[in-house]
PDB file of N, CA and C in Angstrom:
ATOM      1  N   UNK A   1       0.826  -1.166  -0.106  1.00  0.00           N
ATOM      2  CA  UNK A   1       0.162  -0.010  -0.022  1.00  0.00           C
ATOM      3  C   UNK A   1       0.981   1.394   0.106  1.00  0.00           C
ATOM      4  N   UNK A   2       0.508   2.340  -0.643  1.00  0.00           N
ATOM      5  CA  UNK A   2       1.122   3.654  -0.754  1.00  0.00           C
ATOM      6  C   UNK A   2       0.864   4.128   0.430  1.00  0.00           C
ATOM      7  N   UNK A   3       1.765   5.524   0.808  1.00  0.00           N
ATOM      8  CA  UNK A   3       1.840   6.317   1.931  1.00  0.00           C
ATOM      9  C   UNK A   3       1.341   7.715   1.262  1.00  0.00           C
ATOM     10  N   UNK A   4       1.024   8.226   2.206  1.00  0.00           N
ATOM     11  CA  UNK A   4       1.065   9.397   2.172  1.00  0.00           C
ATOM     12  C   UNK A   4       2.102  10.591   2.042  1.00  0.00           C
ATOM     13  N   UNK A   5       3.148  10.282   3.033  1.00  0.00           N
ATOM     14  CA  UNK A   5       4.163  10.378   2.886  1.00  0.00           C
ATOM     15  C   UNK A   5       3.846  11.868   3.300  1.00  0.00           C
ATOM     16  N   UNK A   6       3.383  12.217   4.468  1.00  0.00           N
ATOM     17  CA  UNK A   6       2.989  13.760   4.994  1.00  0.00           C
ATOM     18  C   UNK A   6       4.204  14.472   5.471  1.00  0.00           C
ATOM     19  N   UNK A   7       4.612  15.575   5.127  1.00  0.00           N
ATOM     20  CA  UNK A   7       5.359  16.685   5.453  1.00  0.00           C
ATOM     21  C   UNK A   7       4.598  17.675   6.557  1.00  0.00           C
ATOM     22  N   UNK A   8       4.413  17.124   7.673  1.00  0.00           N
ATOM     23  CA  UNK A   8       3.346  17.749   8.338  1.00  0.00           C
ATOM     24  C   UNK A   8       4.049  19.145   8.973  1.00  0.00           C
ATOM     25  N   UNK A   9       5.273  19.229   9.115  1.00  0.00           N
ATOM     26  CA  UNK A   9       5.984  20.367   9.622  1.00  0.00           C
ATOM     27  C   UNK A   9       5.900  21.389   8.308  1.00  0.00           C
ATOM     28  N   UNK A  10       6.171  20.928   7.149  1.00  0.00           N
ATOM     29  CA  UNK A  10       5.841  22.226   5.941  1.00  0.00           C
ATOM     30  C   UNK A  10       4.184  22.305   5.979  1.00  0.00           C
ATOM     31  N   UNK A  11       3.335  21.615   6.127  1.00  0.00           N
ATOM     32  CA  UNK A  11       1.793  21.993   6.200  1.00  0.00           C
ATOM     33  C   UNK A  11       1.753  22.716   7.400  1.00  0.00           C
ATOM     34  N   UNK A  12       2.378  22.682   8.450  1.00  0.00           N
ATOM     35  CA  UNK A  12       1.936  23.736   9.642  1.00  0.00           C
ATOM     36  C   UNK A  12       2.541  24.738   9.096  1.00  0.00           C
ATOM     37  N   UNK A  13       3.577  24.838   8.659  1.00  0.00           N
ATOM     38  CA  UNK A  13       4.532  25.989   8.263  1.00  0.00           C
ATOM     39  C   UNK A  13       3.294  26.904   7.206  1.00  0.00           C
ATOM     40  N   UNK A  14       2.875  26.296   6.503  1.00  0.00           N
ATOM     41  CA  UNK A  14       2.097  26.664   5.289  1.00  0.00           C
ATOM     42  C   UNK A  14       0.880  27.497   5.877  1.00  0.00           C
ATOM     43  N   UNK A  15       0.547  26.775   7.180  1.00  0.00           N
ATOM     44  CA  UNK A  15      -0.852  27.268   8.056  1.00  0.00           C
ATOM     45  C   UNK A  15      -0.503  28.223   9.044  1.00  0.00           C
ATOM     46  N   UNK A  16       0.760  29.085   8.714  1.00  0.00           N
ATOM     47  CA  UNK A  16       1.045  29.921   9.519  1.00  0.00           C
ATOM     48  C   UNK A  16       1.475  29.555  11.086  1.00  0.00           C
ATOM     49  N   UNK A  17       1.883  27.915  11.260  1.00  0.00           N
ATOM     50  CA  UNK A  17       1.999  27.285  12.442  1.00  0.00           C
ATOM     51  C   UNK A  17       0.682  27.468  13.438  1.00  0.00           C
ATOM     52  N   UNK A  18      -0.431  27.534  12.838  1.00  0.00           N
ATOM     53  CA  UNK A  18      -1.897  27.511  13.445  1.00  0.00           C
ATOM     54  C   UNK A  18      -2.314  26.161  13.121  1.00  0.00           C
ATOM     55  N   UNK A  19      -2.236  25.362  14.395  1.00  0.00           N
ATOM     56  CA  UNK A  19      -3.084  23.992  14.289  1.00  0.00           C
ATOM     57  C   UNK A  19      -4.604  24.224  13.741  1.00  0.00           C
ATOM     58  N   UNK A  20      -5.234  25.026  14.271  1.00  0.00           N
ATOM     59  CA  UNK A  20      -6.560  25.123  14.170  1.00  0.00           C
ATOM     60  C   UNK A  20      -6.782  25.067  12.671  1.00  0.00           C
ATOM     61  N   UNK A  21      -6.080  26.017  11.759  1.00  0.00           N
ATOM     62  CA  UNK A  21      -6.218  26.324  10.478  1.00  0.00           C
ATOM     63  C   UNK A  21      -5.672  25.199   9.843  1.00  0.00           C
ATOM     64  N   UNK A  22      -4.477  24.463  10.140  1.00  0.00           N
ATOM     65  CA  UNK A  22      -4.202  23.216   9.355  1.00  0.00           C
ATOM     66  C   UNK A  22      -5.330  22.279   9.271  1.00  0.00           C
ATOM     67  N   UNK A  23      -6.019  22.147  10.647  1.00  0.00           N
ATOM     68  CA  UNK A  23      -7.105  21.156  10.384  1.00  0.00           C
ATOM     69  C   UNK A  23      -8.351  21.542   9.500  1.00  0.00           C
ATOM     70  N   UNK A  24      -8.470  22.663   9.750  1.00  0.00           N
ATOM     71  CA  UNK A  24      -9.582  23.335   8.484  1.00  0.00           C
ATOM     72  C   UNK A  24      -8.904  23.109   7.092  1.00  0.00           C
ATOM     73  N   UNK A  25      -7.813  23.352   6.857  1.00  0.00           N
ATOM     74  CA  UNK A  25      -7.448  23.112   5.102  1.00  0.00           C
ATOM     75  C   UNK A  25      -7.367  21.626   5.044  1.00  0.00           C
ATOM     76  N   UNK A  26      -6.991  20.528   6.026  1.00  0.00           N
ATOM     77  CA  UNK A  26      -7.334  19.529   5.675  1.00  0.00           C
ATOM     78  C   UNK A  26      -8.387  18.815   5.420  1.00  0.00           C
ATOM     79  N   UNK A  27      -9.747  19.529   6.285  1.00  0.00           N
ATOM     80  CA  UNK A  27     -11.153  19.108   6.050  1.00  0.00           C
ATOM     81  C   UNK A  27     -11.373  19.675   4.607  1.00  0.00           C
ATOM     82  N   UNK A  28     -11.114  20.736   4.402  1.00  0.00           N
ATOM     83  CA  UNK A  28     -11.432  21.574   2.957  1.00  0.00           C
ATOM     84  C   UNK A  28     -10.750  20.568   1.935  1.00  0.00           C
ATOM     85  N   UNK A  29      -9.668  20.004   2.198  1.00  0.00           N
ATOM     86  CA  UNK A  29      -9.162  19.234   0.993  1.00  0.00           C
ATOM     87  C   UNK A  29      -9.637  17.982   0.989  1.00  0.00           C
ATOM     88  N   UNK A  30     -10.034  17.375   2.111  1.00  0.00           N
ATOM     89  CA  UNK A  30     -10.806  15.978   1.858  1.00  0.00           C
ATOM     90  C   UNK A  30     -12.174  16.128   1.092  1.00  0.00           C
ATOM     91  N   UNK A  31     -12.744  17.470   1.384  1.00  0.00           N
ATOM     92  CA  UNK A  31     -14.105  17.485   0.626  1.00  0.00           C
ATOM     93  C   UNK A  31     -13.930  18.010  -0.965  1.00  0.00           C
ATOM     94  N   UNK A  32     -12.653  18.712  -1.277  1.00  0.00           N
ATOM     95  CA  UNK A  32     -12.877  18.998  -2.718  1.00  0.00           C
ATOM     96  C   UNK A  32     -12.022  17.596  -3.281  1.00  0.00           C
ATOM     97  N   UNK A  33     -11.271  16.885  -2.602  1.00  0.00           N
ATOM     98  CA  UNK A  33     -10.513  15.668  -3.021  1.00  0.00           C
ATOM     99  C   UNK A  33     -11.861  14.665  -3.424  1.00  0.00           C
ATOM    100  N   UNK A  34     -12.683  14.574  -2.616  1.00  0.00           N
ATOM    101  CA  UNK A  34     -13.941  13.570  -2.837  1.00  0.00           C
ATOM    102  C   UNK A  34     -14.685  14.193  -4.202  1.00  0.00           C
ATOM    103  N   UNK A  35     -14.738  15.188  -4.453  1.00  0.00           N
ATOM    104  CA  UNK A  35     -15.429  15.717  -5.231  1.00  0.00           C
ATOM    105  C   UNK A  35     -14.402  15.894  -6.738  1.00  0.00           C
ATOM    106  N   UNK A  36     -13.043  16.036  -6.625  1.00  0.00           N
ATOM    107  CA  UNK A  36     -12.350  15.434  -7.738  1.00  0.00           C
ATOM    108  C   UNK A  36     -12.118  14.128  -8.049  1.00  0.00           C
ATOM    109  N   UNK A  37     -12.177  13.193  -7.096  1.00  0.00           N
ATOM    110  CA  UNK A  37     -12.253  11.901  -7.407  1.00  0.00           C
ATOM    111  C   UNK A  37     -13.601  11.569  -8.056  1.00  0.00           C
ATOM    112  N   UNK A  38     -14.659  12.116  -8.079  1.00  0.00           N
ATOM    113  CA  UNK A  38     -15.905  11.787  -8.644  1.00  0.00           C
ATOM    114  C   UNK A  38     -15.829  12.281 -10.299  1.00  0.00           C
ATOM    115  N   UNK A  39     -15.118  13.367 -10.216  1.00  0.00           N
ATOM    116  CA  UNK A  39     -14.938  14.101 -11.470  1.00  0.00           C
ATOM    117  C   UNK A  39     -14.130  13.008 -12.478  1.00  0.00           C
ATOM    118  N   UNK A  40     -12.957  12.590 -11.640  1.00  0.00           N
ATOM    119  CA  UNK A  40     -11.851  11.869 -12.345  1.00  0.00           C
ATOM    120  C   UNK A  40     -12.433  10.354 -12.823  1.00  0.00           C
ATOM    121  N   UNK A  41     -13.378   9.774 -11.924  1.00  0.00           N
ATOM    122  CA  UNK A  41     -14.109   8.547 -12.378  1.00  0.00           C
ATOM    123  C   UNK A  41     -15.320   9.065 -13.582  1.00  0.00           C
ATOM    124  N   UNK A  42     -15.595  10.234 -13.738  1.00  0.00           N
ATOM    125  CA  UNK A  42     -16.502  10.533 -14.727  1.00  0.00           C
ATOM    126  C   UNK A  42     -15.786  10.538 -15.988  1.00  0.00           C
ATOM    127  N   UNK A  43     -14.591  11.606 -16.016  1.00  0.00           N
ATOM    128  CA  UNK A  43     -13.832  11.317 -16.924  1.00  0.00           C
ATOM    129  C   UNK A  43     -13.322  10.304 -17.458  1.00  0.00           C
ATOM    130  N   UNK A  44     -13.194   9.076 -16.822  1.00  0.00           N
ATOM    131  CA  UNK A  44     -12.454   7.860 -17.001  1.00  0.00           C
ATOM    132  C   UNK A  44     -13.554   7.185 -17.816  1.00  0.00           C
ATOM    133  N   UNK A  45     -14.943   7.412 -17.304  1.00  0.00           N
ATOM    134  CA  UNK A  45     -15.951   6.549 -17.834  1.00  0.00           C
ATOM    135  C   UNK A  45     -16.135   7.043 -19.502  1.00  0.00           C
ATOM    136  N   UNK A  46     -16.123   8.544 -19.403  1.00  0.00           N
ATOM    137  CA  UNK A  46     -16.470   8.898 -20.687  1.00  0.00           C
ATOM    138  C   UNK A  46     -15.230   9.010 -21.658  1.00  0.00           C
ATOM    139  N   UNK A  47     -13.944   8.303 -21.431  1.00  0.00           N
ATOM    140  CA  UNK A  47     -12.916   8.237 -22.064  1.00  0.00           C
ATOM    141  C   UNK A  47     -12.485   9.879 -22.257  1.00  0.00           C
ATOM    142  N   UNK A  48     -12.632  10.887 -21.285  1.00  0.00           N
ATOM    143  CA  UNK A  48     -12.361  12.120 -21.364  1.00  0.00           C
ATOM    144  C   UNK A  48     -10.934  12.624 -20.815  1.00  0.00           C
ATOM    145  N   UNK A  49      -9.939  12.534 -21.325  1.00  0.00           N
ATOM    146  CA  UNK A  49      -8.153  12.909 -20.802  1.00  0.00           C
ATOM    147  C   UNK A  49      -8.507  14.357 -20.088  1.00  0.00           C
ATOM    148  N   UNK A  50      -8.986  15.324 -20.734  1.00  0.00           N
ATOM    149  CA  UNK A  50      -9.152  16.552 -20.399  1.00  0.00           C
ATOM    150  C   UNK A  50      -9.734  16.604 -18.674  1.00  0.00           C
ATOM    151  N   UNK A  51     -10.814  16.187 -18.927  1.00  0.00           N
ATOM    152  CA  UNK A  51     -11.514  16.183 -17.366  1.00  0.00           C
ATOM    153  C   UNK A  51     -10.887  15.287 -16.547  1.00  0.00           C
ATOM    154  N   UNK A  52     -10.137  14.421 -16.715  1.00  0.00           N
ATOM    155  CA  UNK A  52      -9.350  13.368 -15.903  1.00  0.00           C
ATOM    156  C   UNK A  52      -8.214  14.433 -15.341  1.00  0.00           C
ATOM    157  N   UNK A  53      -7.829  15.009 -16.595  1.00  0.00           N
ATOM    158  CA  UNK A  53      -6.476  15.640 -16.165  1.00  0.00           C
ATOM    159  C   UNK A  53      -6.761  16.862 -14.948  1.00  0.00           C
ATOM    160  N   UNK A  54      -7.685  17.487 -15.309  1.00  0.00           N
ATOM    161  CA  UNK A  54      -8.270  18.674 -14.390  1.00  0.00           C
ATOM    162  C   UNK A  54      -8.457  18.033 -13.176  1.00  0.00           C
ATOM    163  N   UNK A  55      -8.923  17.185 -12.916  1.00  0.00           N
ATOM    164  CA  UNK A  55      -9.197  16.730 -11.692  1.00  0.00           C
ATOM    165  C   UNK A  55      -7.878  15.992 -10.875  1.00  0.00           C
ATOM    166  N   UNK A  56      -7.048  15.379 -11.530  1.00  0.00           N
ATOM    167  CA  UNK A  56      -5.657  15.081 -10.991  1.00  0.00           C
ATOM    168  C   UNK A  56      -5.196  16.266 -10.421  1.00  0.00           C
ATOM    169  N   UNK A  57      -5.122  17.036 -11.645  1.00  0.00           N
ATOM    170  CA  UNK A  57      -4.408  18.547 -11.375  1.00  0.00           C
ATOM    171  C   UNK A  57      -4.845  18.928 -10.038  1.00  0.00           C
ATOM    172  N   UNK A  58      -6.149  19.156  -9.657  1.00  0.00           N
ATOM    173  CA  UNK A  58      -6.785  19.761  -8.402  1.00  0.00           C
ATOM    174  C   UNK A  58      -6.189  19.021  -7.452  1.00  0.00           C
ATOM    175  N   UNK A  59      -6.184  17.938  -7.527  1.00  0.00           N
ATOM    176  CA  UNK A  59      -5.751  16.922  -6.276  1.00  0.00           C
ATOM    177  C   UNK A  59      -4.422  17.274  -6.095  1.00  0.00           C
ATOM    178  N   UNK A  60      -3.407  17.487  -7.227  1.00  0.00           N
ATOM    179  CA  UNK A  60      -2.298  17.505  -7.033  1.00  0.00           C
ATOM    180  C   UNK A  60      -1.387  19.020  -6.306  1.00  0.00           C
ATOM    181  N   UNK A  61      -2.285  19.989  -6.636  1.00  0.00           N
ATOM    182  CA  UNK A  61      -2.003  21.372  -6.086  1.00  0.00           C
ATOM    183  C   UNK A  61      -2.245  21.145  -4.522  1.00  0.00           C
ATOM    184  N   UNK A  62      -3.432  20.760  -4.416  1.00  0.00           N
ATOM    185  CA  UNK A  62      -3.984  20.832  -2.895  1.00  0.00           C
ATOM    186  C   UNK A  62      -2.766  20.010  -1.964  1.00  0.00           C
ATOM    187  N   UNK A  63      -2.719  18.801  -2.673  1.00  0.00           N
ATOM    188  CA  UNK A  63      -1.773  18.139  -1.844  1.00  0.00           C
ATOM    189  C   UNK A  63      -0.335  18.530  -1.659  1.00  0.00           C
ATOM    190  N   UNK A  64       0.369  19.169  -2.712  1.00  0.00           N
ATOM    191  CA  UNK A  64       1.642  19.843  -2.776  1.00  0.00           C
ATOM    192  C   UNK A  64       1.417  21.253  -1.687  1.00  0.00           C
ATOM    193  N   UNK A  65       0.512  21.683  -1.738  1.00  0.00           N
ATOM    194  CA  UNK A  65       0.173  22.779  -0.472  1.00  0.00           C
ATOM    195  C   UNK A  65       0.064  22.505   0.672  1.00  0.00           C
ATOM    196  N   UNK A  66      -0.340  21.014   0.985  1.00  0.00           N
ATOM    197  CA  UNK A  66      -0.275  20.769   2.222  1.00  0.00           C
ATOM    198  C   UNK A  66       0.722  19.588   2.996  1.00  0.00           C
ATOM    199  N   UNK A  67       1.648  19.310   1.613  1.00  0.00           N
ATOM    200  CA  UNK A  67       3.034  18.570   1.967  1.00  0.00           C
ATOM    201  C   UNK A  67       2.370  17.064   1.945  1.00  0.00           C
ATOM    202  N   UNK A  68       1.566  16.886   1.195  1.00  0.00           N
ATOM    203  CA  UNK A  68       1.085  15.370   1.084  1.00  0.00           C
ATOM    204  C   UNK A  68       1.700  14.938  -0.206  1.00  0.00           C
ATOM    205  N   UNK A  69       3.104  14.697  -0.075  1.00  0.00           N
ATOM    206  CA  UNK A  69       4.086  14.056  -1.175  1.00  0.00           C
ATOM    207  C   UNK A  69       3.490  12.782  -1.909  1.00  0.00           C
ATOM    208  N   UNK A  70       3.131  12.035  -1.076  1.00  0.00           N
ATOM    209  CA  UNK A  70       2.591  10.807  -1.487  1.00  0.00           C
ATOM    210  C   UNK A  70       1.441  10.960  -2.834  1.00  0.00           C
ATOM    211  N   UNK A  71       0.611  11.847  -2.461  1.00  0.00           N
ATOM    212  CA  UNK A  71      -0.517  12.209  -3.076  1.00  0.00           C
ATOM    213  C   UNK A  71       0.070  13.060  -4.183  1.00  0.00           C
ATOM    214  N   UNK A  72       0.592  14.298  -3.993  1.00  0.00           N
ATOM    215  CA  UNK A  72       1.288  14.987  -5.078  1.00  0.00           C
ATOM    216  C   UNK A  72       2.278  14.272  -6.071  1.00  0.00           C
ATOM    217  N   UNK A  73       3.140  13.207  -5.856  1.00  0.00           N
ATOM    218  CA  UNK A  73       3.785  12.320  -6.761  1.00  0.00           C
ATOM    219  C   UNK A  73       2.900  11.551  -7.687  1.00  0.00           C
ATOM    220  N   UNK A  74       1.975  10.891  -6.897  1.00  0.00           N
ATOM    221  CA  UNK A  74       1.211  10.011  -7.609  1.00  0.00           C
ATOM    222  C   UNK A  74       0.307  11.042  -8.564  1.00  0.00           C
ATOM    223  N   UNK A  75      -0.298  11.880  -8.204  1.00  0.00           N
ATOM    224  CA  UNK A  75      -1.314  12.622  -9.199  1.00  0.00           C
ATOM    225  C   UNK A  75      -0.615  13.350 -10.195  1.00  0.00           C
ATOM    226  N   UNK A  76       0.850  13.686 -10.011  1.00  0.00           N
ATOM    227  CA  UNK A  76       1.602  14.074 -11.008  1.00  0.00           C
ATOM    228  C   UNK A  76       1.700  13.185 -12.051  1.00  0.00           C
ATOM    229  N   UNK A  77       2.313  11.987 -12.060  1.00  0.00           N
ATOM    230  CA  UNK A  77       2.429  10.924 -12.714  1.00  0.00           C
ATOM    231  C   UNK A  77       1.051  10.654 -13.536  1.00  0.00           C
ATOM    232  N   UNK A  78      -0.123  10.589 -13.075  1.00  0.00           N
ATOM    233  CA  UNK A  78      -1.390  10.898 -13.586  1.00  0.00           C
ATOM    234  C   UNK A  78      -1.664  11.541 -14.416  1.00  0.00           C
ATOM    235  N   UNK A  79      -1.317  12.945 -14.108  1.00  0.00           N
ATOM    236  CA  UNK A  79      -1.644  13.956 -14.813  1.00  0.00           C
ATOM    237  C   UNK A  79      -0.843  14.117 -16.255  1.00  0.00           C
ATOM    238  N   UNK A  80       0.515  13.633 -16.102  1.00  0.00           N
ATOM    239  CA  UNK A  80       1.517  13.529 -17.303  1.00  0.00           C
ATOM    240  C   UNK A  80       0.733  12.862 -18.173  1.00  0.00           C
ATOM    241  N   UNK A  81       0.153  11.840 -17.827  1.00  0.00           N
ATOM    242  CA  UNK A  81      -0.398  10.317 -18.579  1.00  0.00           C
ATOM    243  C   UNK A  81      -1.605  11.336 -19.461  1.00  0.00           C
ATOM    244  N   UNK A  82      -2.413  11.925 -18.676  1.00  0.00           N
ATOM    245  CA  UNK A  82      -3.553  12.734 -19.346  1.00  0.00           C
ATOM    246  C   UNK A  82      -3.108  13.692 -20.484  1.00  0.00           C
ATOM    247  N   UNK A  83      -2.026  14.397 -20.011  1.00  0.00           N
ATOM    248  CA  UNK A  83      -1.518  15.401 -20.738  1.00  0.00           C
ATOM    249  C   UNK A  83      -1.037  14.808 -22.348  1.00  0.00           C
ATOM    250  N   UNK A  84      -0.799  13.675 -22.205  1.00  0.00           N
ATOM    251  CA  UNK A  84      -0.636  12.767 -23.808  1.00  0.00           C
ATOM    252  C   UNK A  84      -1.857  12.306 -23.923  1.00  0.00           C
ATOM    253  N   UNK A  85      -2.991  12.819 -23.729  1.00  0.00           N
ATOM    254  CA  UNK A  85      -4.363  12.250 -24.329  1.00  0.00           C
ATOM    255  C   UNK A  85      -4.698  10.894 -23.829  1.00  0.00           C
ATOM    256  N   UNK A  86      -3.866  10.447 -22.687  1.00  0.00           N
ATOM    257  CA  UNK A  86      -4.029   8.674 -22.322  1.00  0.00           C
ATOM    258  C   UNK A  86      -4.996   8.852 -21.127  1.00  0.00           C
ATOM    259  N   UNK A  87      -5.367   7.803 -20.700  1.00  0.00           N
ATOM    260  CA  UNK A  87      -6.001   7.388 -19.365  1.00  0.00           C
ATOM    261  C   UNK A  87      -5.446   6.140 -19.129  1.00  0.00           C
ATOM    262  N   UNK A  88      -4.441   5.660 -19.579  1.00  0.00           N
ATOM    263  CA  UNK A  88      -3.946   4.163 -19.093  1.00  0.00           C
ATOM    264  C   UNK A  88      -3.249   4.329 -17.936  1.00  0.00           C
ATOM    265  N   UNK A  89      -2.507   5.323 -17.210  1.00  0.00           N
ATOM    266  CA  UNK A  89      -2.051   5.570 -15.947  1.00  0.00           C
ATOM    267  C   UNK A  89      -3.181   5.464 -15.169  1.00  0.00           C
ATOM    268  N   UNK A  90      -4.036   6.426 -15.650  1.00  0.00           N
ATOM    269  CA  UNK A  90      -4.872   6.921 -14.511  1.00  0.00           C
ATOM    270  C   UNK A  90      -5.843   5.611 -14.173  1.00  0.00           C
ATOM    271  N   UNK A  91      -6.172   5.187 -15.332  1.00  0.00           N
ATOM    272  CA  UNK A  91      -6.883   3.659 -15.110  1.00  0.00           C
ATOM    273  C   UNK A  91      -6.254   2.857 -14.200  1.00  0.00           C
ATOM    274  N   UNK A  92      -4.800   2.653 -14.228  1.00  0.00           N
ATOM    275  CA  UNK A  92      -4.100   1.654 -13.367  1.00  0.00           C
ATOM    276  C   UNK A  92      -3.946   2.272 -12.132  1.00  0.00           C
ATOM    277  N   UNK A  93      -3.952   3.289 -11.700  1.00  0.00           N
ATOM    278  CA  UNK A  93      -3.388   4.089 -10.556  1.00  0.00           C
ATOM    279  C   UNK A  93      -4.727   4.419  -9.635  1.00  0.00           C
ATOM    280  N   UNK A  94      -5.829   4.676 -10.265  1.00  0.00           N
ATOM    281  CA  UNK A  94      -7.231   5.085  -9.431  1.00  0.00           C
ATOM    282  C   UNK A  94      -7.200   4.278  -8.176  1.00  0.00           C
ATOM    283  N   UNK A  95      -7.105   3.208  -8.212  1.00  0.00           N
ATOM    284  CA  UNK A  95      -7.169   2.454  -6.979  1.00  0.00           C
ATOM    285  C   UNK A  95      -6.226   3.035  -6.175  1.00  0.00           C
ATOM    286  N   UNK A  96      -5.256   3.014  -6.544  1.00  0.00           N
ATOM    287  CA  UNK A  96      -4.296   3.636  -5.231  1.00  0.00           C
ATOM    288  C   UNK A  96      -4.585   4.750  -4.977  1.00  0.00           C
ATOM    289  N   UNK A  97      -4.765   5.740  -5.760  1.00  0.00           N
ATOM    290  CA  UNK A  97      -5.444   7.140  -5.397  1.00  0.00           C
ATOM    291  C   UNK A  97      -6.526   7.122  -4.357  1.00  0.00           C
ATOM    292  N   UNK A  98      -7.428   5.977  -4.354  1.00  0.00           N
ATOM    293  CA  UNK A  98      -8.477   5.901  -3.729  1.00  0.00           C
ATOM    294  C   UNK A  98      -8.010   5.192  -2.307  1.00  0.00           C
ATOM    295  N   UNK A  99      -7.024   4.628  -2.408  1.00  0.00           N
ATOM    296  CA  UNK A  99      -6.400   4.069  -0.868  1.00  0.00           C
ATOM    297  C   UNK A  99      -5.528   5.538  -0.232  1.00  0.00           C
ATOM    298  N   UNK A 100      -5.081   6.135  -1.007  1.00  0.00           N
ATOM    299  CA  UNK A 100      -4.475   7.345  -0.274  1.00  0.00           C
ATOM    300  C   UNK A 100      -5.314   8.389   0.137  1.00  0.00           C
ATOM    301  N   UNK A 101      -6.563   8.505  -0.690  1.00  0.00           N
ATOM    302  CA  UNK A 101      -7.514   9.335  -0.340  1.00  0.00           C
ATOM    303  C   UNK A 101      -8.082   8.812   1.086  1.00  0.00           C
ATOM    304  N   UNK A 102      -8.170   7.435   1.092  1.00  0.00           N
ATOM    305  CA  UNK A 102      -8.910   6.703   2.449  1.00  0.00           C
ATOM    306  C   UNK A 102      -7.921   6.951   3.395  1.00  0.00           C
ATOM    307  N   UNK A 103      -6.907   7.256   3.355  1.00  0.00           N
ATOM    308  CA  UNK A 103      -5.485   7.267   4.120  1.00  0.00           C
ATOM    309  C   UNK A 103      -5.984   8.956   4.669  1.00  0.00           C
ATOM    310  N   UNK A 104      -5.822   9.672   4.048  1.00  0.00           N
ATOM    311  CA  UNK A 104      -6.172  11.053   4.134  1.00  0.00           C
ATOM    312  C   UNK A 104      -7.494  11.627   5.350  1.00  0.00           C
ATOM    313  N   UNK A 105      -8.479  10.738   5.165  1.00  0.00           N
ATOM    314  CA  UNK A 105      -9.389  10.678   6.098  1.00  0.00           C
ATOM    315  C   UNK A 105      -9.198  10.320   7.585  1.00  0.00           C
ATOM    316  N   UNK A 106      -8.310  10.064   7.746  1.00  0.00           N
ATOM    317  CA  UNK A 106      -7.439   9.583   9.187  1.00  0.00           C
ATOM    318  C   UNK A 106      -6.809  10.688   9.786  1.00  0.00           C
ATOM    319  N   UNK A 107      -6.429  11.731   9.021  1.00  0.00           N
ATOM    320  CA  UNK A 107      -5.545  13.006   9.418  1.00  0.00           C
ATOM    321  C   UNK A 107      -6.707  13.938  10.222  1.00  0.00           C
TER     322      UNK A 107
END
């Protein structure tokens, strides 16, 4: 199983050392990631690499800002595949993405 590889110190720094703000940001990310995952699945089912790319790009950006390196790395690979008009890697890796997003729920 993959790991979130969370750099909590980086995330806390991004939240101006405010624990409460960090938790709020994580909660917002959980909600947006769930929506992005639904859009990604829709993109895959429609064979739409652009929709899929937008979805993984959104997850990647939020993950990067919160120091979630495991999610950031995975979605970067998925996004690169979509940029080439392919859904092969996205289709292969969506279960890993779902596993990491499930781990995110425990933060």
